[in-house]
N, C-alpha and C. Protein backbone atom coordinates (compact mmCIF):
# COMPACT_ATOMS: atom_id res chain seq x y z
N MET A 1 98.38 179.53 55.32
CA MET A 1 99.45 180.49 55.07
C MET A 1 98.92 181.62 54.20
N PRO A 2 99.40 182.82 54.43
CA PRO A 2 98.98 183.94 53.58
C PRO A 2 99.28 183.64 52.11
N GLY A 3 98.31 183.87 51.25
CA GLY A 3 98.49 183.65 49.82
C GLY A 3 98.19 182.24 49.36
N ALA A 4 97.85 181.34 50.28
CA ALA A 4 97.63 179.94 49.91
C ALA A 4 96.45 179.78 48.95
N LEU A 5 95.37 180.51 49.20
CA LEU A 5 94.19 180.37 48.34
C LEU A 5 94.48 180.88 46.93
N GLU A 6 95.21 181.98 46.86
CA GLU A 6 95.60 182.52 45.55
C GLU A 6 96.52 181.54 44.82
N LEU A 7 97.41 180.89 45.58
CA LEU A 7 98.30 179.91 44.98
C LEU A 7 97.50 178.73 44.42
N ILE A 8 96.50 178.25 45.17
CA ILE A 8 95.66 177.16 44.69
C ILE A 8 94.99 177.55 43.38
N GLU A 9 94.41 178.75 43.34
CA GLU A 9 93.74 179.21 42.13
C GLU A 9 94.70 179.24 40.95
N PHE A 10 95.94 179.72 41.19
CA PHE A 10 96.93 179.77 40.11
C PHE A 10 97.32 178.38 39.65
N LEU A 11 97.59 177.48 40.58
CA LEU A 11 98.01 176.13 40.22
C LEU A 11 96.96 175.42 39.39
N VAL A 12 95.70 175.62 39.74
CA VAL A 12 94.62 174.99 38.98
C VAL A 12 94.63 175.47 37.53
N THR A 13 94.93 176.76 37.33
CA THR A 13 95.00 177.27 35.95
C THR A 13 96.15 176.64 35.18
N GLN A 14 97.14 176.08 35.90
CA GLN A 14 98.29 175.43 35.28
C GLN A 14 98.10 173.91 35.20
N ASN A 15 96.86 173.46 35.43
CA ASN A 15 96.52 172.03 35.38
C ASN A 15 97.26 171.20 36.43
N VAL A 16 97.52 171.82 37.58
CA VAL A 16 98.13 171.11 38.71
C VAL A 16 97.02 170.69 39.66
N VAL A 17 97.03 169.41 40.05
CA VAL A 17 96.06 168.91 41.02
C VAL A 17 96.53 169.32 42.41
N VAL A 18 95.67 169.99 43.16
CA VAL A 18 96.04 170.52 44.47
C VAL A 18 95.41 169.68 45.57
N ALA A 19 96.24 169.32 46.54
CA ALA A 19 95.79 168.50 47.67
C ALA A 19 95.99 169.24 48.98
N ILE A 20 95.08 168.99 49.91
CA ILE A 20 95.22 169.44 51.29
C ILE A 20 95.88 168.30 52.06
N GLY A 21 96.90 168.61 52.84
CA GLY A 21 97.53 167.53 53.61
C GLY A 21 98.38 168.05 54.73
N HIS A 22 98.50 167.26 55.80
CA HIS A 22 99.34 167.60 56.94
C HIS A 22 99.05 169.04 57.37
N SER A 23 97.82 169.27 57.77
CA SER A 23 97.32 170.62 57.97
C SER A 23 96.65 170.79 59.32
N ALA A 24 96.60 172.03 59.78
CA ALA A 24 95.83 172.40 60.96
C ALA A 24 94.82 173.48 60.57
N ALA A 25 94.41 173.47 59.30
CA ALA A 25 93.52 174.50 58.79
C ALA A 25 92.14 174.45 59.46
N SER A 26 91.51 175.60 59.52
CA SER A 26 90.14 175.67 60.05
C SER A 26 89.17 175.13 59.01
N ALA A 27 87.95 174.85 59.46
CA ALA A 27 86.92 174.36 58.54
C ALA A 27 86.69 175.37 57.42
N GLN A 28 86.62 176.65 57.75
CA GLN A 28 86.37 177.66 56.72
C GLN A 28 87.51 177.70 55.71
N CYS A 29 88.74 177.57 56.19
CA CYS A 29 89.89 177.59 55.29
C CYS A 29 89.86 176.38 54.35
N ILE A 30 89.46 175.22 54.88
CA ILE A 30 89.37 174.03 54.04
C ILE A 30 88.30 174.21 52.97
N HIS A 31 87.13 174.70 53.36
CA HIS A 31 86.07 174.91 52.37
C HIS A 31 86.47 175.96 51.35
N ASP A 32 87.19 176.99 51.79
CA ASP A 32 87.68 178.01 50.86
C ASP A 32 88.71 177.42 49.89
N ALA A 33 89.54 176.51 50.39
CA ALA A 33 90.54 175.86 49.53
C ALA A 33 89.86 175.03 48.44
N VAL A 34 88.78 174.34 48.81
CA VAL A 34 88.03 173.56 47.82
C VAL A 34 87.40 174.50 46.80
N ALA A 35 86.83 175.60 47.27
CA ALA A 35 86.23 176.57 46.35
C ALA A 35 87.28 177.14 45.40
N ALA A 36 88.54 177.23 45.88
CA ALA A 36 89.62 177.75 45.04
C ALA A 36 90.14 176.69 44.06
N GLY A 37 89.80 175.40 44.30
CA GLY A 37 90.19 174.38 43.34
C GLY A 37 90.88 173.15 43.90
N ALA A 38 91.13 173.08 45.22
CA ALA A 38 91.73 171.88 45.80
C ALA A 38 90.76 170.71 45.67
N THR A 39 91.28 169.53 45.32
CA THR A 39 90.40 168.38 45.08
C THR A 39 90.79 167.12 45.85
N LEU A 40 91.93 167.12 46.52
CA LEU A 40 92.40 165.92 47.22
C LEU A 40 92.68 166.20 48.69
N SER A 41 92.49 165.19 49.52
CA SER A 41 92.95 165.20 50.91
C SER A 41 94.03 164.14 51.04
N THR A 42 95.28 164.58 51.09
CA THR A 42 96.41 163.66 51.15
C THR A 42 96.54 163.06 52.54
N HIS A 43 96.68 161.73 52.62
CA HIS A 43 96.89 161.05 53.91
C HIS A 43 95.83 161.46 54.91
N LEU A 44 94.58 161.47 54.48
CA LEU A 44 93.49 161.92 55.34
C LEU A 44 93.46 161.11 56.63
N GLY A 45 93.40 161.82 57.74
CA GLY A 45 93.44 161.20 59.05
C GLY A 45 94.82 161.23 59.68
N ASN A 46 95.81 161.71 58.92
CA ASN A 46 97.19 161.78 59.41
C ASN A 46 97.74 163.18 59.19
N GLY A 47 98.92 163.42 59.75
CA GLY A 47 99.57 164.71 59.57
C GLY A 47 98.83 165.84 60.24
N CYS A 48 98.13 165.52 61.33
CA CYS A 48 97.44 166.55 62.11
C CYS A 48 97.76 166.31 63.58
N GLY A 49 97.31 167.21 64.42
CA GLY A 49 97.60 167.08 65.84
C GLY A 49 97.10 165.77 66.42
N SER A 50 97.86 165.20 67.34
CA SER A 50 97.42 163.95 67.97
C SER A 50 96.29 164.20 68.97
N THR A 51 96.17 165.42 69.44
CA THR A 51 95.06 165.81 70.32
C THR A 51 94.35 166.99 69.68
N ILE A 52 93.10 166.78 69.28
CA ILE A 52 92.34 167.82 68.60
C ILE A 52 90.94 167.92 69.20
N ASP A 53 90.28 169.04 68.99
CA ASP A 53 88.91 169.22 69.45
C ASP A 53 88.01 168.22 68.75
N ARG A 54 87.11 167.60 69.50
CA ARG A 54 86.28 166.55 68.91
C ARG A 54 85.27 167.08 67.90
N HIS A 55 84.92 168.36 67.99
CA HIS A 55 83.95 168.94 67.06
C HIS A 55 84.61 169.77 65.97
N TYR A 56 85.58 170.58 66.36
CA TYR A 56 86.18 171.53 65.42
C TYR A 56 87.64 171.14 65.17
N ASN A 57 87.85 170.42 64.10
CA ASN A 57 89.20 169.97 63.77
C ASN A 57 89.34 169.87 62.26
N VAL A 58 90.49 169.42 61.81
CA VAL A 58 90.81 169.39 60.37
C VAL A 58 90.15 168.19 59.66
N LEU A 59 89.66 167.20 60.40
CA LEU A 59 89.13 165.99 59.78
C LEU A 59 87.71 166.15 59.26
N TRP A 60 86.79 166.64 60.10
CA TRP A 60 85.37 166.67 59.72
C TRP A 60 85.10 167.46 58.44
N PRO A 61 85.65 168.66 58.29
CA PRO A 61 85.36 169.38 57.04
C PRO A 61 85.90 168.68 55.79
N GLN A 62 87.02 167.97 55.92
CA GLN A 62 87.53 167.23 54.76
C GLN A 62 86.64 166.03 54.45
N LEU A 63 86.16 165.38 55.48
CA LEU A 63 85.27 164.23 55.27
C LEU A 63 83.92 164.67 54.72
N SER A 64 83.44 165.82 55.15
CA SER A 64 82.09 166.23 54.77
C SER A 64 82.03 166.94 53.43
N ASN A 65 83.16 167.47 52.95
CA ASN A 65 83.15 168.25 51.72
C ASN A 65 83.23 167.32 50.51
N ASP A 66 82.17 167.29 49.72
CA ASP A 66 82.12 166.40 48.56
C ASP A 66 83.06 166.81 47.44
N GLY A 67 83.68 167.97 47.56
CA GLY A 67 84.65 168.40 46.56
C GLY A 67 86.03 167.79 46.75
N LEU A 68 86.22 167.06 47.84
CA LEU A 68 87.53 166.47 48.14
C LEU A 68 87.49 164.96 48.04
N ILE A 69 88.50 164.40 47.39
CA ILE A 69 88.71 162.96 47.35
C ILE A 69 89.67 162.60 48.47
N GLY A 70 89.31 161.63 49.28
CA GLY A 70 90.16 161.20 50.39
C GLY A 70 91.17 160.16 49.95
N ALA A 71 92.45 160.40 50.25
CA ALA A 71 93.53 159.45 49.95
C ALA A 71 93.94 158.79 51.25
N PHE A 72 93.74 157.47 51.37
CA PHE A 72 93.89 156.77 52.64
C PHE A 72 95.06 155.79 52.62
N ILE A 73 95.79 155.72 53.75
CA ILE A 73 96.88 154.77 53.94
C ILE A 73 96.34 153.62 54.78
N ALA A 74 96.02 152.51 54.13
CA ALA A 74 95.35 151.40 54.79
C ALA A 74 96.34 150.37 55.31
N ASP A 75 97.20 150.80 56.24
CA ASP A 75 98.19 149.86 56.78
C ASP A 75 97.90 149.44 58.22
N GLY A 76 96.85 149.97 58.82
CA GLY A 76 96.52 149.62 60.19
C GLY A 76 97.27 150.44 61.22
N HIS A 77 98.26 151.21 60.79
CA HIS A 77 99.02 152.07 61.70
C HIS A 77 98.63 153.53 61.49
N HIS A 78 98.64 153.98 60.26
CA HIS A 78 98.18 155.33 59.98
C HIS A 78 96.70 155.48 60.28
N LEU A 79 95.93 154.47 59.93
CA LEU A 79 94.49 154.46 60.20
C LEU A 79 94.10 153.08 60.74
N PRO A 80 93.65 153.01 61.99
CA PRO A 80 93.12 151.74 62.49
C PRO A 80 91.89 151.32 61.67
N ARG A 81 91.58 150.05 61.73
CA ARG A 81 90.51 149.48 60.91
C ARG A 81 89.20 150.25 61.03
N ASP A 82 88.71 150.47 62.23
CA ASP A 82 87.40 151.12 62.40
C ASP A 82 87.41 152.55 61.86
N MET A 83 88.51 153.25 62.06
CA MET A 83 88.62 154.62 61.55
C MET A 83 88.58 154.62 60.03
N LEU A 84 89.31 153.70 59.42
CA LEU A 84 89.31 153.60 57.96
C LEU A 84 87.91 153.29 57.44
N ARG A 85 87.23 152.33 58.05
CA ARG A 85 85.87 151.97 57.62
C ARG A 85 84.95 153.18 57.67
N ALA A 86 85.01 153.92 58.77
CA ALA A 86 84.15 155.09 58.93
C ALA A 86 84.47 156.17 57.91
N MET A 87 85.76 156.38 57.65
CA MET A 87 86.17 157.43 56.71
C MET A 87 85.79 157.06 55.28
N VAL A 88 85.98 155.81 54.89
CA VAL A 88 85.57 155.39 53.55
C VAL A 88 84.07 155.54 53.38
N ARG A 89 83.31 155.19 54.39
CA ARG A 89 81.86 155.35 54.31
C ARG A 89 81.47 156.82 54.22
N ALA A 90 82.19 157.68 54.96
CA ALA A 90 81.89 159.11 54.92
C ALA A 90 82.18 159.70 53.54
N LYS A 91 83.31 159.34 52.96
CA LYS A 91 83.67 159.89 51.65
C LYS A 91 82.90 159.22 50.52
N GLY A 92 82.55 157.95 50.71
CA GLY A 92 81.92 157.21 49.62
C GLY A 92 82.97 156.69 48.66
N LEU A 93 82.66 155.64 47.96
CA LEU A 93 83.64 155.02 47.06
C LEU A 93 84.02 155.93 45.90
N ASP A 94 83.12 156.82 45.49
CA ASP A 94 83.43 157.73 44.38
C ASP A 94 84.46 158.78 44.78
N ARG A 95 84.68 158.96 46.09
CA ARG A 95 85.61 159.99 46.56
C ARG A 95 86.66 159.38 47.48
N THR A 96 87.04 158.13 47.17
CA THR A 96 88.05 157.42 47.95
C THR A 96 89.12 156.86 47.02
N ILE A 97 90.40 157.06 47.39
CA ILE A 97 91.50 156.39 46.70
C ILE A 97 92.47 155.85 47.74
N LEU A 98 93.29 154.89 47.33
CA LEU A 98 94.27 154.30 48.23
C LEU A 98 95.68 154.74 47.84
N VAL A 99 96.47 155.05 48.86
CA VAL A 99 97.88 155.40 48.69
C VAL A 99 98.68 154.61 49.72
N THR A 100 100.01 154.63 49.63
CA THR A 100 100.82 153.83 50.55
C THR A 100 101.66 154.62 51.53
N ASP A 101 102.11 155.81 51.18
CA ASP A 101 103.12 156.54 51.96
C ASP A 101 104.38 155.69 52.09
N ALA A 102 104.64 154.84 51.09
CA ALA A 102 105.75 153.90 51.14
C ALA A 102 107.10 154.62 51.15
N VAL A 103 107.99 154.12 51.99
CA VAL A 103 109.37 154.60 52.02
C VAL A 103 110.28 153.43 51.64
N CYS A 104 111.58 153.59 51.82
CA CYS A 104 112.54 152.57 51.39
C CYS A 104 112.29 151.22 52.04
N ALA A 105 111.57 151.19 53.15
CA ALA A 105 111.32 149.94 53.86
C ALA A 105 110.11 149.17 53.33
N ALA A 106 109.45 149.71 52.32
CA ALA A 106 108.25 149.06 51.80
C ALA A 106 108.59 147.67 51.27
N GLY A 107 107.84 146.67 51.75
CA GLY A 107 108.06 145.31 51.31
C GLY A 107 109.30 144.65 51.87
N ALA A 108 110.05 145.38 52.69
CA ALA A 108 111.31 144.86 53.21
C ALA A 108 111.08 144.16 54.56
N PRO A 109 111.97 143.27 54.93
CA PRO A 109 111.82 142.58 56.22
C PRO A 109 112.09 143.52 57.39
N GLU A 110 111.79 143.04 58.58
CA GLU A 110 112.05 143.79 59.80
C GLU A 110 113.51 144.20 59.84
N GLY A 111 113.76 145.49 60.21
CA GLY A 111 115.14 145.96 60.25
C GLY A 111 115.22 147.46 60.18
N VAL A 112 116.43 147.97 60.01
CA VAL A 112 116.71 149.41 59.98
C VAL A 112 117.15 149.78 58.56
N TYR A 113 116.61 150.92 58.07
CA TYR A 113 116.87 151.36 56.69
C TYR A 113 117.13 152.86 56.65
N PRO A 114 117.91 153.33 55.68
CA PRO A 114 118.16 154.77 55.55
C PRO A 114 117.00 155.47 54.84
N LEU A 115 116.65 156.64 55.32
CA LEU A 115 115.65 157.50 54.67
C LEU A 115 116.23 158.90 54.65
N GLY A 116 116.91 159.23 53.56
CA GLY A 116 117.64 160.49 53.53
C GLY A 116 118.73 160.46 54.59
N GLU A 117 118.71 161.44 55.49
CA GLU A 117 119.69 161.48 56.57
C GLU A 117 119.19 160.76 57.82
N LEU A 118 117.97 160.22 57.78
CA LEU A 118 117.38 159.55 58.93
C LEU A 118 117.58 158.04 58.84
N GLN A 119 117.39 157.39 59.96
CA GLN A 119 117.35 155.93 60.03
C GLN A 119 115.94 155.55 60.49
N VAL A 120 115.28 154.70 59.72
CA VAL A 120 113.95 154.25 60.10
C VAL A 120 113.97 152.75 60.32
N GLN A 121 113.04 152.29 61.13
CA GLN A 121 113.00 150.86 61.43
C GLN A 121 111.61 150.30 61.16
N VAL A 122 111.60 149.07 60.67
CA VAL A 122 110.37 148.31 60.48
C VAL A 122 110.30 147.27 61.58
N ASP A 123 109.20 147.30 62.35
CA ASP A 123 109.10 146.31 63.42
C ASP A 123 108.36 145.06 62.94
N ALA A 124 108.15 144.13 63.83
CA ALA A 124 107.53 142.86 63.47
C ALA A 124 106.09 143.02 62.99
N ASN A 125 105.46 144.14 63.34
CA ASN A 125 104.08 144.41 62.92
C ASN A 125 104.00 145.30 61.69
N ARG A 126 105.16 145.52 61.02
CA ARG A 126 105.23 146.29 59.78
C ARG A 126 105.05 147.79 60.01
N LYS A 127 105.23 148.24 61.22
CA LYS A 127 105.14 149.67 61.53
C LYS A 127 106.51 150.30 61.31
N VAL A 128 106.53 151.47 60.64
CA VAL A 128 107.78 152.18 60.36
C VAL A 128 107.88 153.41 61.25
N THR A 129 108.95 153.49 62.03
CA THR A 129 109.19 154.64 62.89
C THR A 129 110.64 155.08 62.73
N GLN A 130 110.89 156.32 63.14
CA GLN A 130 112.27 156.79 63.17
C GLN A 130 112.98 156.08 64.31
N VAL A 131 114.21 155.67 64.08
CA VAL A 131 114.96 154.97 65.12
C VAL A 131 115.06 155.85 66.36
N GLY A 132 114.67 155.28 67.49
CA GLY A 132 114.73 156.02 68.75
C GLY A 132 113.52 156.88 69.02
N ALA A 133 112.51 156.82 68.15
CA ALA A 133 111.30 157.63 68.34
C ALA A 133 110.08 156.74 68.09
N SER A 134 108.91 157.26 68.46
CA SER A 134 107.69 156.47 68.30
C SER A 134 106.82 156.96 67.14
N ASN A 135 107.18 158.11 66.56
CA ASN A 135 106.35 158.68 65.49
C ASN A 135 106.49 157.88 64.20
N LEU A 136 105.40 157.82 63.44
CA LEU A 136 105.44 157.17 62.13
C LEU A 136 106.43 157.89 61.22
N ALA A 137 107.14 157.14 60.42
CA ALA A 137 108.10 157.71 59.47
C ALA A 137 107.86 157.09 58.11
N GLY A 138 106.65 157.30 57.59
CA GLY A 138 106.26 156.66 56.35
C GLY A 138 105.66 155.30 56.63
N SER A 139 105.63 154.46 55.61
CA SER A 139 104.98 153.16 55.73
C SER A 139 105.75 152.10 54.98
N ALA A 140 105.62 150.85 55.44
CA ALA A 140 106.17 149.71 54.72
C ALA A 140 105.11 149.07 53.85
N LEU A 141 103.96 149.73 53.73
CA LEU A 141 102.83 149.21 52.99
C LEU A 141 103.10 149.17 51.49
N THR A 142 102.70 148.08 50.85
CA THR A 142 102.67 148.01 49.39
C THR A 142 101.20 148.03 48.97
N LEU A 143 100.95 148.46 47.76
CA LEU A 143 99.58 148.71 47.34
C LEU A 143 98.74 147.44 47.28
N ASP A 144 99.37 146.30 46.96
CA ASP A 144 98.61 145.06 46.94
C ASP A 144 98.09 144.70 48.33
N VAL A 145 98.90 144.95 49.35
CA VAL A 145 98.48 144.69 50.73
C VAL A 145 97.38 145.68 51.14
N ALA A 146 97.52 146.94 50.70
CA ALA A 146 96.47 147.93 50.99
C ALA A 146 95.14 147.49 50.41
N VAL A 147 95.16 146.99 49.18
CA VAL A 147 93.93 146.51 48.55
C VAL A 147 93.33 145.37 49.36
N GLY A 148 94.17 144.41 49.75
CA GLY A 148 93.70 143.28 50.54
C GLY A 148 93.12 143.72 51.87
N ASN A 149 93.79 144.68 52.54
CA ASN A 149 93.29 145.18 53.82
C ASN A 149 91.91 145.81 53.67
N VAL A 150 91.73 146.64 52.65
CA VAL A 150 90.46 147.32 52.47
C VAL A 150 89.35 146.34 52.08
N CYS A 151 89.68 145.34 51.28
CA CYS A 151 88.69 144.30 50.96
C CYS A 151 88.16 143.68 52.25
N ARG A 152 89.06 143.35 53.14
CA ARG A 152 88.66 142.66 54.37
C ARG A 152 88.04 143.61 55.39
N TRP A 153 88.71 144.72 55.64
CA TRP A 153 88.24 145.62 56.69
C TRP A 153 86.94 146.31 56.34
N CYS A 154 86.77 146.67 55.07
CA CYS A 154 85.55 147.38 54.65
C CYS A 154 84.52 146.46 54.02
N GLU A 155 84.86 145.17 53.95
CA GLU A 155 83.94 144.16 53.41
C GLU A 155 83.48 144.55 52.00
N LEU A 156 84.48 144.81 51.14
CA LEU A 156 84.23 145.21 49.77
C LEU A 156 84.87 144.19 48.82
N PRO A 157 84.28 143.98 47.63
CA PRO A 157 84.84 143.03 46.68
C PRO A 157 86.12 143.56 46.02
N LEU A 158 86.97 142.65 45.62
CA LEU A 158 88.25 143.00 45.01
C LEU A 158 88.12 143.96 43.83
N PRO A 159 87.23 143.74 42.86
CA PRO A 159 87.16 144.68 41.72
C PRO A 159 86.88 146.11 42.15
N THR A 160 86.05 146.28 43.18
CA THR A 160 85.74 147.63 43.67
C THR A 160 86.96 148.28 44.27
N VAL A 161 87.67 147.57 45.13
CA VAL A 161 88.84 148.13 45.81
C VAL A 161 90.00 148.31 44.84
N TRP A 162 90.13 147.39 43.89
CA TRP A 162 91.18 147.52 42.87
C TRP A 162 91.09 148.88 42.17
N GLU A 163 89.88 149.30 41.87
CA GLU A 163 89.69 150.61 41.21
C GLU A 163 90.18 151.75 42.09
N LEU A 164 89.98 151.65 43.40
CA LEU A 164 90.39 152.71 44.31
C LEU A 164 91.90 152.90 44.30
N ALA A 165 92.63 151.82 44.01
CA ALA A 165 94.09 151.87 43.99
C ALA A 165 94.66 152.06 42.60
N SER A 166 93.81 152.03 41.57
CA SER A 166 94.33 152.09 40.21
C SER A 166 93.62 153.17 39.39
N THR A 167 92.54 152.81 38.72
CA THR A 167 91.92 153.75 37.79
C THR A 167 91.38 154.99 38.49
N ARG A 168 90.74 154.80 39.64
CA ARG A 168 90.18 155.96 40.34
C ARG A 168 91.30 156.86 40.87
N ALA A 169 92.37 156.25 41.37
CA ALA A 169 93.52 157.03 41.84
C ALA A 169 94.16 157.79 40.70
N ALA A 170 94.30 157.14 39.55
CA ALA A 170 94.89 157.81 38.38
C ALA A 170 94.04 159.01 37.95
N GLU A 171 92.74 158.80 37.89
CA GLU A 171 91.84 159.89 37.48
C GLU A 171 91.91 161.06 38.46
N ALA A 172 92.11 160.76 39.75
CA ALA A 172 92.15 161.81 40.77
C ALA A 172 93.31 162.77 40.57
N VAL A 173 94.39 162.30 39.95
CA VAL A 173 95.54 163.16 39.70
C VAL A 173 95.70 163.49 38.23
N GLY A 174 94.65 163.26 37.45
CA GLY A 174 94.63 163.69 36.06
C GLY A 174 95.35 162.80 35.09
N ILE A 175 95.57 161.54 35.44
CA ILE A 175 96.24 160.61 34.53
C ILE A 175 95.20 159.87 33.70
N GLN A 176 95.38 159.87 32.40
CA GLN A 176 94.50 159.13 31.51
C GLN A 176 94.84 157.64 31.58
N VAL A 177 93.84 156.83 31.88
CA VAL A 177 94.06 155.39 31.98
C VAL A 177 94.16 154.80 30.58
N SER A 178 95.25 154.07 30.31
CA SER A 178 95.47 153.54 28.97
C SER A 178 94.96 152.12 28.80
N GLY A 179 94.59 151.47 29.91
CA GLY A 179 94.09 150.10 29.82
C GLY A 179 93.67 149.60 31.18
N THR A 180 93.12 148.42 31.21
CA THR A 180 92.70 147.83 32.47
C THR A 180 93.21 146.40 32.56
N VAL A 181 93.16 145.84 33.76
CA VAL A 181 93.60 144.46 34.00
C VAL A 181 92.37 143.61 34.26
N ASP A 182 92.29 142.47 33.60
CA ASP A 182 91.20 141.53 33.84
C ASP A 182 91.54 140.72 35.08
N LEU A 183 90.74 140.92 36.14
CA LEU A 183 91.04 140.25 37.40
C LEU A 183 90.55 138.82 37.44
N ALA A 184 89.75 138.41 36.47
CA ALA A 184 89.17 137.06 36.49
C ALA A 184 88.58 136.79 37.87
N TRP A 185 87.72 137.68 38.28
CA TRP A 185 87.18 137.69 39.65
C TRP A 185 86.33 136.46 39.94
N ASP A 186 86.75 135.71 40.94
CA ASP A 186 86.01 134.54 41.40
C ASP A 186 85.86 134.64 42.91
N PRO A 187 84.72 135.17 43.39
CA PRO A 187 84.55 135.39 44.84
C PRO A 187 84.75 134.12 45.65
N ALA A 188 84.38 132.96 45.12
CA ALA A 188 84.50 131.71 45.87
C ALA A 188 85.96 131.33 46.10
N ALA A 189 86.82 131.71 45.15
CA ALA A 189 88.22 131.31 45.25
C ALA A 189 89.10 132.40 45.84
N PHE A 190 88.53 133.59 46.05
CA PHE A 190 89.34 134.74 46.47
C PHE A 190 89.75 134.61 47.93
N GLU A 191 91.03 134.83 48.18
CA GLU A 191 91.55 134.82 49.55
C GLU A 191 92.46 136.01 49.72
N VAL A 192 92.20 136.82 50.76
CA VAL A 192 93.02 137.99 51.03
C VAL A 192 94.11 137.59 52.01
N LYS A 193 95.35 137.86 51.64
CA LYS A 193 96.47 137.59 52.53
C LYS A 193 96.80 138.88 53.28
N ILE A 194 96.66 138.87 54.59
CA ILE A 194 96.85 140.06 55.40
C ILE A 194 98.09 139.91 56.27
N LEU A 195 98.95 140.92 56.24
CA LEU A 195 100.09 140.93 57.16
C LEU A 195 99.62 141.45 58.50
N PRO A 196 100.16 140.96 59.61
CA PRO A 196 99.70 141.41 60.92
C PRO A 196 100.05 142.87 61.16
N THR A 197 99.14 143.59 61.79
CA THR A 197 99.39 144.97 62.17
C THR A 197 98.90 145.18 63.59
N THR A 198 99.41 146.21 64.22
CA THR A 198 98.96 146.58 65.56
C THR A 198 98.43 148.00 65.48
N PRO A 199 97.09 148.17 65.32
CA PRO A 199 96.53 149.52 65.21
C PRO A 199 96.84 150.37 66.43
N GLU A 200 97.08 151.66 66.18
CA GLU A 200 97.34 152.60 67.27
C GLU A 200 96.44 153.80 67.12
């Protein structure tokens, strides 16, 4: 949008963390946004066209630019397992955080729930769509399940993934961490509980 780069520069001077998200921006525009001060890619892999050019699209420049931290929704619907694995590897753990895109249906059983003026439904595979439509309408994901999914799908230990959802995520938006949780990590006893999903 006209004036977007100037707006990013202004927001940064006001200590606002700026994210790129749900965009059809060109590679040059994305790199210019990072140069202006944008530091996050919100819901990376989502909020873009369902059919895009395989070489020139909104994903590759965000994945390749080390100035951007990727925020990923690890529910198996927004990002299938293989896509998530590839994206986390591309960004690296230092530039990866976990988010949920959780709506009112998060953690709730299968059924229909209000979302503002809309009605959304959670199906048996924990996928959230608008009633009568097939498009995603947020997520029923909770952060503990996201952590478990990433541990399993990316073959990473719990302490590493825990940071992506907690301290690293907090730092990405400028929050000072006031303490940490002792996980009492025991790899031999650790079991990840995964809810079934149907990747699309």
